[in-house]
Amino acid sequence: MPARRLTLAVDPERGVADIRVAVLINGRRVLDDAAFCSGDQTSWTRTVQLPYLGEEAWLNVEINSTDAPSGDPRPRGVRLRALTLER
């Protein structure tokens, strides 16, 4: 059965307001969003439908994140808490 839905949860660093999180599956961008972590919020979760994967024999999942605090040119990224593919 093909994958139908992807859920991604990350734990952004506290105090950083805007972190870009992108997920590509087999080269197709399925998620590109800003993850926010402020106040008491300690994690960020998104679920996306994957209706176009069809009968793919394999999945190459690529996760990109950027977290560049002001004044610091080095991206720190985010901690991946969970990645779920549902059929």
PDB file of N, CA and C in Angstrom:
ATOM      1  N   MET A   1       0.842  -1.187   0.000  1.00  0.00           N
ATOM      2  CA  MET A   1       0.000   0.000   0.000  1.00  0.00           C
ATOM      3  C   MET A   1       0.883   1.245   0.000  1.00  0.00           C
ATOM      4  N   PRO A   2       0.512   2.254  -0.765  1.00  0.00           N
ATOM      5  CA  PRO A   2       1.318   3.488  -0.812  1.00  0.00           C
ATOM      6  C   PRO A   2       1.135   4.335   0.443  1.00  0.00           C
ATOM      7  N   ALA A   3       2.119   5.161   0.725  1.00  0.00           N
ATOM      8  CA  ALA A   3       2.024   6.114   1.836  1.00  0.00           C
ATOM      9  C   ALA A   3       0.974   7.160   1.484  1.00  0.00           C
ATOM     10  N   ARG A   4       0.135   7.501   2.450  1.00  0.00           N
ATOM     11  CA  ARG A   4      -0.941   8.469   2.217  1.00  0.00           C
ATOM     12  C   ARG A   4      -0.811   9.754   3.024  1.00  0.00           C
ATOM     13  N   ARG A   5      -0.110   9.666   4.175  1.00  0.00           N
ATOM     14  CA  ARG A   5      -0.040  10.844   5.042  1.00  0.00           C
ATOM     15  C   ARG A   5       1.298  10.823   5.777  1.00  0.00           C
ATOM     16  N   LEU A   6       1.875  12.010   5.933  1.00  0.00           N
ATOM     17  CA  LEU A   6       3.131  12.171   6.658  1.00  0.00           C
ATOM     18  C   LEU A   6       2.906  13.119   7.818  1.00  0.00           C
ATOM     19  N   THR A   7       3.428  12.750   8.992  1.00  0.00           N
ATOM     20  CA  THR A   7       3.397  13.627  10.155  1.00  0.00           C
ATOM     21  C   THR A   7       4.826  13.839  10.612  1.00  0.00           C
ATOM     22  N   LEU A   8       5.188  15.096  10.807  1.00  0.00           N
ATOM     23  CA  LEU A   8       6.533  15.469  11.236  1.00  0.00           C
ATOM     24  C   LEU A   8       6.412  16.306  12.501  1.00  0.00           C
ATOM     25  N   ALA A   9       7.219  15.969  13.510  1.00  0.00           N
ATOM     26  CA  ALA A   9       7.262  16.757  14.743  1.00  0.00           C
ATOM     27  C   ALA A   9       8.710  17.103  15.032  1.00  0.00           C
ATOM     28  N   VAL A  10       8.959  18.368  15.331  1.00  0.00           N
ATOM     29  CA  VAL A  10      10.305  18.825  15.652  1.00  0.00           C
ATOM     30  C   VAL A  10      10.275  19.595  16.972  1.00  0.00           C
ATOM     31  N   ASP A  11      11.434  19.665  17.597  1.00  0.00           N
ATOM     32  CA  ASP A  11      11.601  20.434  18.831  1.00  0.00           C
ATOM     33  C   ASP A  11      12.539  21.591  18.536  1.00  0.00           C
ATOM     34  N   PRO A  12      12.006  22.747  18.125  1.00  0.00           N
ATOM     35  CA  PRO A  12      12.870  23.903  17.842  1.00  0.00           C
ATOM     36  C   PRO A  12      13.566  24.390  19.108  1.00  0.00           C
ATOM     37  N   GLU A  13      14.671  25.052  18.911  1.00  0.00           N
ATOM     38  CA  GLU A  13      15.378  25.657  20.034  1.00  0.00           C
ATOM     39  C   GLU A  13      14.535  26.788  20.599  1.00  0.00           C
ATOM     40  N   ARG A  14      14.494  26.873  21.892  1.00  0.00           N
ATOM     41  CA  ARG A  14      13.725  27.944  22.528  1.00  0.00           C
ATOM     42  C   ARG A  14      14.348  29.299  22.218  1.00  0.00           C
ATOM     43  N   GLY A  15      13.469  30.281  22.088  1.00  0.00           N
ATOM     44  CA  GLY A  15      13.931  31.636  21.861  1.00  0.00           C
ATOM     45  C   GLY A  15      14.161  31.980  20.401  1.00  0.00           C
ATOM     46  N   VAL A  16      14.023  31.020  19.519  1.00  0.00           N
ATOM     47  CA  VAL A  16      14.162  31.290  18.092  1.00  0.00           C
ATOM     48  C   VAL A  16      12.765  31.299  17.499  1.00  0.00           C
ATOM     49  N   ALA A  17      12.378  32.420  16.908  1.00  0.00           N
ATOM     50  CA  ALA A  17      10.994  32.596  16.492  1.00  0.00           C
ATOM     51  C   ALA A  17      10.661  31.944  15.159  1.00  0.00           C
ATOM     52  N   ASP A  18      11.553  31.904  14.211  1.00  0.00           N
ATOM     53  CA  ASP A  18      11.192  31.467  12.865  1.00  0.00           C
ATOM     54  C   ASP A  18      12.212  30.459  12.341  1.00  0.00           C
ATOM     55  N   ILE A  19      11.790  29.230  12.176  1.00  0.00           N
ATOM     56  CA  ILE A  19      12.634  28.161  11.662  1.00  0.00           C
ATOM     57  C   ILE A  19      11.930  27.580  10.442  1.00  0.00           C
ATOM     58  N   ARG A  20      12.608  27.530   9.317  1.00  0.00           N
ATOM     59  CA  ARG A  20      12.021  26.929   8.122  1.00  0.00           C
ATOM     60  C   ARG A  20      12.241  25.426   8.163  1.00  0.00           C
ATOM     61  N   VAL A  21      11.180  24.677   7.939  1.00  0.00           N
ATOM     62  CA  VAL A  21      11.255  23.222   7.884  1.00  0.00           C
ATOM     63  C   VAL A  21      10.664  22.780   6.551  1.00  0.00           C
ATOM     64  N   ALA A  22      11.449  22.025   5.787  1.00  0.00           N
ATOM     65  CA  ALA A  22      10.986  21.525   4.491  1.00  0.00           C
ATOM     66  C   ALA A  22      11.198  20.015   4.448  1.00  0.00           C
ATOM     67  N   VAL A  23      10.229  19.310   3.839  1.00  0.00           N
ATOM     68  CA  VAL A  23      10.337  17.867   3.648  1.00  0.00           C
ATOM     69  C   VAL A  23      10.135  17.579   2.171  1.00  0.00           C
ATOM     70  N   LEU A  24      11.067  16.810   1.605  1.00  0.00           N
ATOM     71  CA  LEU A  24      10.946  16.354   0.225  1.00  0.00           C
ATOM     72  C   LEU A  24      10.869  14.833   0.239  1.00  0.00           C
ATOM     73  N   ILE A  25       9.959  14.278  -0.548  1.00  0.00           N
ATOM     74  CA  ILE A  25       9.860  12.827  -0.713  1.00  0.00           C
ATOM     75  C   ILE A  25      10.054  12.531  -2.184  1.00  0.00           C
ATOM     76  N   ASN A  26      11.075  11.726  -2.465  1.00  0.00           N
ATOM     77  CA  ASN A  26      11.445  11.404  -3.846  1.00  0.00           C
ATOM     78  C   ASN A  26      11.584  12.664  -4.694  1.00  0.00           C
ATOM     79  N   GLY A  27      12.179  13.702  -4.089  1.00  0.00           N
ATOM     80  CA  GLY A  27      12.444  14.942  -4.798  1.00  0.00           C
ATOM     81  C   GLY A  27      11.276  15.904  -4.874  1.00  0.00           C
ATOM     82  N   ARG A  28      10.113  15.506  -4.395  1.00  0.00           N
ATOM     83  CA  ARG A  28       8.925  16.383  -4.411  1.00  0.00           C
ATOM     84  C   ARG A  28       8.763  17.044  -3.045  1.00  0.00           C
ATOM     85  N   ARG A  29       8.606  18.355  -3.055  1.00  0.00           N
ATOM     86  CA  ARG A  29       8.420  19.099  -1.805  1.00  0.00           C
ATOM     87  C   ARG A  29       6.995  18.846  -1.321  1.00  0.00           C
ATOM     88  N   VAL A  30       6.876  18.262  -0.122  1.00  0.00           N
ATOM     89  CA  VAL A  30       5.559  17.981   0.444  1.00  0.00           C
ATOM     90  C   VAL A  30       5.233  18.895   1.612  1.00  0.00           C
ATOM     91  N   LEU A  31       6.263  19.554   2.163  1.00  0.00           N
ATOM     92  CA  LEU A  31       6.053  20.466   3.280  1.00  0.00           C
ATOM     93  C   LEU A  31       7.127  21.536   3.248  1.00  0.00           C
ATOM     94  N   ASP A  32       6.719  22.774   3.429  1.00  0.00           N
ATOM     95  CA  ASP A  32       7.649  23.902   3.546  1.00  0.00           C
ATOM     96  C   ASP A  32       6.934  24.936   4.392  1.00  0.00           C
ATOM     97  N   ASP A  33       7.320  25.021   5.645  1.00  0.00           N
ATOM     98  CA  ASP A  33       6.565  25.849   6.568  1.00  0.00           C
ATOM     99  C   ASP A  33       7.507  26.438   7.613  1.00  0.00           C
ATOM    100  N   ALA A  34       7.021  27.423   8.332  1.00  0.00           N
ATOM    101  CA  ALA A  34       7.785  28.020   9.425  1.00  0.00           C
ATOM    102  C   ALA A  34       7.336  27.382  10.725  1.00  0.00           C
ATOM    103  N   ALA A  35       8.280  26.874  11.496  1.00  0.00           N
ATOM    104  CA  ALA A  35       7.989  26.295  12.807  1.00  0.00           C
ATOM    105  C   ALA A  35       8.263  27.353  13.862  1.00  0.00           C
ATOM    106  N   PHE A  36       7.314  27.567  14.719  1.00  0.00           N
ATOM    107  CA  PHE A  36       7.462  28.572  15.756  1.00  0.00           C
ATOM    108  C   PHE A  36       7.548  27.904  17.119  1.00  0.00           C
ATOM    109  N   CYS A  37       8.392  28.399  17.969  1.00  0.00           N
ATOM    110  CA  CYS A  37       8.505  27.893  19.336  1.00  0.00           C
ATOM    111  C   CYS A  37       8.700  29.087  20.250  1.00  0.00           C
ATOM    112  N   SER A  38       7.667  29.433  20.955  1.00  0.00           N
ATOM    113  CA  SER A  38       7.774  30.572  21.864  1.00  0.00           C
ATOM    114  C   SER A  38       6.939  30.302  23.109  1.00  0.00           C
ATOM    115  N   GLY A  39       7.259  30.959  24.158  1.00  0.00           N
ATOM    116  CA  GLY A  39       6.516  30.777  25.395  1.00  0.00           C
ATOM    117  C   GLY A  39       6.620  29.350  25.900  1.00  0.00           C
ATOM    118  N   ASP A  40       5.468  28.730  26.180  1.00  0.00           N
ATOM    119  CA  ASP A  40       5.438  27.366  26.703  1.00  0.00           C
ATOM    120  C   ASP A  40       5.440  26.309  25.618  1.00  0.00           C
ATOM    121  N   GLN A  41       5.343  26.706  24.352  1.00  0.00           N
ATOM    122  CA  GLN A  41       5.313  25.740  23.256  1.00  0.00           C
ATOM    123  C   GLN A  41       6.706  25.123  23.105  1.00  0.00           C
ATOM    124  N   THR A  42       6.783  23.800  23.186  1.00  0.00           N
ATOM    125  CA  THR A  42       8.081  23.137  23.120  1.00  0.00           C
ATOM    126  C   THR A  42       8.225  22.236  21.903  1.00  0.00           C
ATOM    127  N   SER A  43       7.174  22.099  21.093  1.00  0.00           N
ATOM    128  CA  SER A  43       7.301  21.279  19.884  1.00  0.00           C
ATOM    129  C   SER A  43       6.370  21.810  18.807  1.00  0.00           C
ATOM    130  N   TRP A  44       6.603  21.349  17.591  1.00  0.00           N
ATOM    131  CA  TRP A  44       5.844  21.787  16.422  1.00  0.00           C
ATOM    132  C   TRP A  44       5.529  20.546  15.597  1.00  0.00           C
ATOM    133  N   THR A  45       4.284  20.384  15.167  1.00  0.00           N
ATOM    134  CA  THR A  45       3.858  19.199  14.418  1.00  0.00           C
ATOM    135  C   THR A  45       3.032  19.615  13.214  1.00  0.00           C
ATOM    136  N   ARG A  46       3.286  18.970  12.086  1.00  0.00           N
ATOM    137  CA  ARG A  46       2.479  19.170  10.880  1.00  0.00           C
ATOM    138  C   ARG A  46       2.165  17.809  10.267  1.00  0.00           C
ATOM    139  N   THR A  47       0.949  17.679   9.724  1.00  0.00           N
ATOM    140  CA  THR A  47       0.533  16.478   8.995  1.00  0.00           C
ATOM    141  C   THR A  47       0.110  16.907   7.603  1.00  0.00           C
ATOM    142  N   VAL A  48       0.615  16.216   6.586  1.00  0.00           N
ATOM    143  CA  VAL A  48       0.257  16.523   5.204  1.00  0.00           C
ATOM    144  C   VAL A  48      -0.200  15.245   4.499  1.00  0.00           C
ATOM    145  N   GLN A  49      -1.149  15.403   3.608  1.00  0.00           N
ATOM    146  CA  GLN A  49      -1.632  14.294   2.796  1.00  0.00           C
ATOM    147  C   GLN A  49      -0.658  14.053   1.642  1.00  0.00           C
ATOM    148  N   LEU A  50      -0.499  12.805   1.232  1.00  0.00           N
ATOM    149  CA  LEU A  50       0.411  12.439   0.142  1.00  0.00           C
ATOM    150  C   LEU A  50      -0.341  11.663  -0.928  1.00  0.00           C
ATOM    151  N   PRO A  51      -1.317  12.272  -1.573  1.00  0.00           N
ATOM    152  CA  PRO A  51      -2.149  11.521  -2.522  1.00  0.00           C
ATOM    153  C   PRO A  51      -1.445  11.148  -3.822  1.00  0.00           C
ATOM    154  N   TYR A  52      -0.321  11.765  -4.127  1.00  0.00           N
ATOM    155  CA  TYR A  52       0.308  11.577  -5.434  1.00  0.00           C
ATOM    156  C   TYR A  52       1.472  10.598  -5.420  1.00  0.00           C
ATOM    157  N   LEU A  53       1.750   9.932  -4.310  1.00  0.00           N
ATOM    158  CA  LEU A  53       2.878   9.006  -4.283  1.00  0.00           C
ATOM    159  C   LEU A  53       2.572   7.696  -5.006  1.00  0.00           C
ATOM    160  N   GLY A  54       1.301   7.370  -5.132  1.00  0.00           N
ATOM    161  CA  GLY A  54       0.914   6.188  -5.906  1.00  0.00           C
ATOM    162  C   GLY A  54       1.572   4.915  -5.415  1.00  0.00           C
ATOM    163  N   GLU A  55       2.106   4.158  -6.340  1.00  0.00           N
ATOM    164  CA  GLU A  55       2.703   2.864  -6.014  1.00  0.00           C
ATOM    165  C   GLU A  55       4.226   2.921  -6.003  1.00  0.00           C
ATOM    166  N   GLU A  56       4.797   4.008  -5.516  1.00  0.00           N
ATOM    167  CA  GLU A  56       6.253   4.143  -5.461  1.00  0.00           C
ATOM    168  C   GLU A  56       6.854   2.945  -4.733  1.00  0.00           C
ATOM    169  N   ALA A  57       7.901   2.345  -5.303  1.00  0.00           N
ATOM    170  CA  ALA A  57       8.544   1.173  -4.696  1.00  0.00           C
ATOM    171  C   ALA A  57       9.432   1.571  -3.525  1.00  0.00           C
ATOM    172  N   TRP A  58       9.894   2.821  -3.475  1.00  0.00           N
ATOM    173  CA  TRP A  58      10.779   3.286  -2.413  1.00  0.00           C
ATOM    174  C   TRP A  58      10.487   4.749  -2.133  1.00  0.00           C
ATOM    175  N   LEU A  59      10.871   5.190  -0.960  1.00  0.00           N
ATOM    176  CA  LEU A  59      10.699   6.591  -0.581  1.00  0.00           C
ATOM    177  C   LEU A  59      12.035   7.129  -0.071  1.00  0.00           C
ATOM    178  N   ASN A  60      12.462   8.223  -0.638  1.00  0.00           N
ATOM    179  CA  ASN A  60      13.636   8.937  -0.170  1.00  0.00           C
ATOM    180  C   ASN A  60      13.117  10.187   0.529  1.00  0.00           C
ATOM    181  N   VAL A  61      13.231  10.220   1.854  1.00  0.00           N
ATOM    182  CA  VAL A  61      12.705  11.341   2.638  1.00  0.00           C
ATOM    183  C   VAL A  61      13.867  12.240   3.027  1.00  0.00           C
ATOM    184  N   GLU A  62      13.785  13.515   2.639  1.00  0.00           N
ATOM    185  CA  GLU A  62      14.813  14.501   2.949  1.00  0.00           C
ATOM    186  C   GLU A  62      14.183  15.602   3.791  1.00  0.00           C
ATOM    187  N   ILE A  63      14.809  15.911   4.929  1.00  0.00           N
ATOM    188  CA  ILE A  63      14.311  16.957   5.818  1.00  0.00           C
ATOM    189  C   ILE A  63      15.360  18.048   5.899  1.00  0.00           C
ATOM    190  N   ASN A  64      14.959  19.268   5.581  1.00  0.00           N
ATOM    191  CA  ASN A  64      15.852  20.427   5.654  1.00  0.00           C
ATOM    192  C   ASN A  64      15.275  21.412   6.659  1.00  0.00           C
ATOM    193  N   SER A  65      16.129  21.969   7.482  1.00  0.00           N
ATOM    194  CA  SER A  65      15.669  23.003   8.406  1.00  0.00           C
ATOM    195  C   SER A  65      16.754  24.061   8.532  1.00  0.00           C
ATOM    196  N   THR A  66      16.302  25.267   8.765  1.00  0.00           N
ATOM    197  CA  THR A  66      17.235  26.354   8.998  1.00  0.00           C
ATOM    198  C   THR A  66      16.794  27.113  10.229  1.00  0.00           C
ATOM    199  N   ASP A  67      17.739  27.432  11.048  1.00  0.00           N
ATOM    200  CA  ASP A  67      17.502  28.188  12.267  1.00  0.00           C
ATOM    201  C   ASP A  67      18.722  29.073  12.433  1.00  0.00           C
ATOM    202  N   ALA A  68      18.639  30.280  11.923  1.00  0.00           N
ATOM    203  CA  ALA A  68      19.786  31.190  11.996  1.00  0.00           C
ATOM    204  C   ALA A  68      19.422  32.363  12.888  1.00  0.00           C
ATOM    205  N   PRO A  69      19.809  32.311  14.157  1.00  0.00           N
ATOM    206  CA  PRO A  69      19.517  33.433  15.039  1.00  0.00           C
ATOM    207  C   PRO A  69      20.170  34.706  14.531  1.00  0.00           C
ATOM    208  N   SER A  70      19.571  35.804  14.846  1.00  0.00           N
ATOM    209  CA  SER A  70      20.086  37.068  14.346  1.00  0.00           C
ATOM    210  C   SER A  70      21.517  37.287  14.808  1.00  0.00           C
ATOM    211  N   GLY A  71      22.355  37.661  13.866  1.00  0.00           N
ATOM    212  CA  GLY A  71      23.752  37.912  14.160  1.00  0.00           C
ATOM    213  C   GLY A  71      24.637  36.672  14.092  1.00  0.00           C
ATOM    214  N   ASP A  72      24.053  35.492  13.955  1.00  0.00           N
ATOM    215  CA  ASP A  72      24.828  34.246  13.897  1.00  0.00           C
ATOM    216  C   ASP A  72      24.622  33.624  12.519  1.00  0.00           C
ATOM    217  N   PRO A  73      25.634  33.583  11.667  1.00  0.00           N
ATOM    218  CA  PRO A  73      25.469  33.079  10.303  1.00  0.00           C
ATOM    219  C   PRO A  73      25.356  31.556  10.220  1.00  0.00           C
ATOM    220  N   ARG A  74      25.619  30.837  11.319  1.00  0.00           N
ATOM    221  CA  ARG A  74      25.581  29.375  11.283  1.00  0.00           C
ATOM    222  C   ARG A  74      24.186  28.853  11.594  1.00  0.00           C
ATOM    223  N   PRO A  75      23.590  28.079  10.691  1.00  0.00           N
ATOM    224  CA  PRO A  75      22.296  27.467  11.000  1.00  0.00           C
ATOM    225  C   PRO A  75      22.474  26.379  12.058  1.00  0.00           C
ATOM    226  N   ARG A  76      21.518  26.289  12.975  1.00  0.00           N
ATOM    227  CA  ARG A  76      21.578  25.268  14.020  1.00  0.00           C
ATOM    228  C   ARG A  76      20.651  24.098  13.732  1.00  0.00           C
ATOM    229  N   GLY A  77      19.604  24.303  12.934  1.00  0.00           N
ATOM    230  CA  GLY A  77      18.666  23.227  12.650  1.00  0.00           C
ATOM    231  C   GLY A  77      17.703  22.978  13.793  1.00  0.00           C
ATOM    232  N   VAL A  78      17.003  21.862  13.710  1.00  0.00           N
ATOM    233  CA  VAL A  78      16.030  21.488  14.729  1.00  0.00           C
ATOM    234  C   VAL A  78      16.218  20.018  15.085  1.00  0.00           C
ATOM    235  N   ARG A  79      15.705  19.638  16.247  1.00  0.00           N
ATOM    236  CA  ARG A  79      15.723  18.231  16.650  1.00  0.00           C
ATOM    237  C   ARG A  79      14.470  17.552  16.143  1.00  0.00           C
ATOM    238  N   LEU A  80      14.642  16.476  15.417  1.00  0.00           N
ATOM    239  CA  LEU A  80      13.507  15.687  14.920  1.00  0.00           C
ATOM    240  C   LEU A  80      12.951  14.864  16.074  1.00  0.00           C
ATOM    241  N   ARG A  81      11.675  15.053  16.391  1.00  0.00           N
ATOM    242  CA  ARG A  81      11.031  14.312  17.475  1.00  0.00           C
ATOM    243  C   ARG A  81      10.303  13.090  16.939  1.00  0.00           C
ATOM    244  N   ALA A  82       9.647  13.229  15.778  1.00  0.00           N
ATOM    245  CA  ALA A  82       8.902  12.104  15.211  1.00  0.00           C
ATOM    246  C   ALA A  82       8.687  12.306  13.715  1.00  0.00           C
ATOM    247  N   LEU A  83       8.733  11.221  12.981  1.00  0.00           N
ATOM    248  CA  LEU A  83       8.394  11.200  11.560  1.00  0.00           C
ATOM    249  C   LEU A  83       7.562   9.947  11.338  1.00  0.00           C
ATOM    250  N   THR A  84       6.329  10.127  10.862  1.00  0.00           N
ATOM    251  CA  THR A  84       5.421   9.007  10.673  1.00  0.00           C
ATOM    252  C   THR A  84       4.867   9.037   9.260  1.00  0.00           C
ATOM    253  N   LEU A  85       4.929   7.906   8.591  1.00  0.00           N
ATOM    254  CA  LEU A  85       4.273   7.729   7.292  1.00  0.00           C
ATOM    255  C   LEU A  85       3.139   6.729   7.484  1.00  0.00           C
ATOM    256  N   GLU A  86       1.925   7.135   7.098  1.00  0.00           N
ATOM    257  CA  GLU A  86       0.768   6.254   7.231  1.00  0.00           C
ATOM    258  C   GLU A  86       0.317   5.782   5.866  1.00  0.00           C
ATOM    259  N   ARG A  87      -0.116   4.541   5.823  1.00  0.00           N
ATOM    260  CA  ARG A  87      -0.645   3.964   4.574  1.00  0.00           C
ATOM    261  C   ARG A  87      -2.149   3.968   4.599  1.00  0.00           C
TER     262      ARG A  87
END
